Amino acid sequence: MPKESAVVKSIRDALKKKYGHQWYGIKIHGDQYTVNQPDILGCLAGRCVAIECKLPGKHARPGQLAILRLWARAGAIVITDASSKEQVLQVIETSL
């Protein structure tokens, strides 16, 4: 079974490959100061992007969903339960 970190890396690599210098993003490492924050925070062509990555079949916890709603309310492109690079790229393409 793959680890969630492999999903995160795959998505980050795909965004960098497709968008080059228009994309900048970081992996948020979970600890007591970043609890419930998305796995990836970035900016694409002037738009904030917040991505919560999950293994296929897994879902974001209520606290994670609450934080993602705050990001969305502030205008970010928000992707919940991202389990593949294809899914993320499709959502971003329709959001730009």
Protein backbone atom coordinates (compact mmCIF):
# COMPACT_ATOMS: atom_id res chain seq x y z
CA MET A 1 0.00 0.00 0.00
CA PRO A 2 1.48 3.39 -0.96
CA LYS A 3 1.94 6.06 1.67
CA GLU A 4 0.23 9.43 1.62
CA SER A 5 3.67 11.04 1.25
CA ALA A 6 3.96 9.37 -2.19
CA VAL A 7 0.65 10.97 -3.22
CA VAL A 8 1.88 14.38 -2.02
CA LYS A 9 5.16 14.05 -3.92
CA SER A 10 3.42 12.93 -7.10
CA ILE A 11 1.06 15.92 -6.99
CA ARG A 12 3.83 18.43 -6.22
CA ASP A 13 5.99 17.05 -9.04
CA ALA A 14 3.08 17.17 -11.52
CA LEU A 15 2.27 20.79 -10.65
CA LYS A 16 5.90 21.85 -11.07
CA LYS A 17 6.21 19.97 -14.36
CA LYS A 18 2.98 21.36 -15.85
CA TYR A 19 3.16 24.95 -14.60
CA GLY A 20 6.89 25.56 -14.12
CA HIS A 21 7.61 29.01 -12.68
CA GLN A 22 3.90 29.88 -12.45
CA TRP A 23 3.68 27.39 -9.55
CA TYR A 24 5.26 27.57 -6.14
CA GLY A 25 4.13 25.28 -3.34
CA ILE A 26 5.30 23.76 -0.09
CA LYS A 27 4.46 20.64 1.89
CA ILE A 28 3.04 21.49 5.29
CA HIS A 29 4.39 19.01 7.84
CA GLY A 30 1.89 18.26 10.55
CA ASP A 31 2.69 19.13 14.15
CA GLN A 32 0.94 20.90 17.03
CA TYR A 33 1.30 24.26 15.25
CA THR A 34 -0.08 23.15 11.87
CA VAL A 35 -2.79 20.71 12.88
CA ASN A 36 -5.53 20.39 10.24
CA GLN A 37 -3.73 22.61 7.70
CA PRO A 38 -3.69 21.27 4.12
CA ASP A 39 -0.83 19.03 2.99
CA ILE A 40 0.16 21.40 0.16
CA LEU A 41 -0.11 25.18 0.12
CA GLY A 42 0.91 27.03 -2.98
CA CYS A 43 0.32 29.77 -5.48
CA LEU A 44 -0.44 29.26 -9.17
CA ALA A 45 -0.56 32.26 -11.48
CA GLY A 46 -1.58 34.53 -8.59
CA ARG A 47 -4.14 32.15 -7.06
CA CYS A 48 -3.68 30.47 -3.69
CA VAL A 49 -4.04 26.68 -3.81
CA ALA A 50 -4.75 24.47 -0.77
CA ILE A 51 -4.65 20.70 -1.28
CA GLU A 52 -5.52 18.00 1.26
CA CYS A 53 -4.03 14.73 0.02
CA LYS A 54 -5.42 11.32 0.94
CA LEU A 55 -4.90 7.75 -0.13
CA PRO A 56 -7.71 6.46 -2.37
CA GLY A 57 -10.81 5.76 -0.31
CA LYS A 58 -9.69 7.91 2.63
CA HIS A 59 -11.36 11.21 3.52
CA ALA A 60 -10.45 14.46 5.28
CA ARG A 61 -11.27 14.73 8.97
CA PRO A 62 -13.84 17.31 10.16
CA GLY A 63 -11.10 19.65 11.44
CA GLN A 64 -9.33 19.52 8.08
CA LEU A 65 -12.59 20.28 6.26
CA ALA A 66 -13.22 23.27 8.53
CA ILE A 67 -9.79 24.73 7.72
CA LEU A 68 -10.27 24.09 3.99
CA ARG A 69 -13.58 25.99 4.13
CA LEU A 70 -11.68 28.98 5.55
CA TRP A 71 -9.17 28.79 2.68
CA ALA A 72 -12.04 28.59 0.16
CA ARG A 73 -13.88 31.51 1.74
CA ALA A 74 -10.69 33.58 1.39
CA GLY A 75 -10.61 32.78 -2.36
CA ALA A 76 -8.21 29.84 -2.58
CA ILE A 77 -8.59 26.96 -5.00
CA VAL A 78 -9.28 24.12 -2.57
CA ILE A 79 -8.92 20.43 -3.37
CA THR A 80 -10.12 17.92 -0.79
CA ASP A 81 -9.25 14.21 -0.71
CA ALA A 82 -6.72 14.56 -3.54
CA SER A 83 -5.53 11.06 -4.34
CA SER A 84 -3.98 11.54 -7.79
CA LYS A 85 -2.12 14.12 -9.82
CA GLU A 86 -4.71 13.76 -12.60
CA GLN A 87 -7.51 14.72 -10.21
CA VAL A 88 -5.61 17.79 -8.99
CA LEU A 89 -4.67 18.98 -12.47
CA GLN A 90 -8.27 18.60 -13.66
CA VAL A 91 -9.68 20.61 -10.73
CA ILE A 92 -7.07 23.34 -11.20
CA GLU A 93 -7.72 23.59 -14.95
CA THR A 94 -11.43 24.12 -14.33
CA SER A 95 -10.75 26.64 -11.54
CA LEU A 96 -8.40 29.01 -13.37
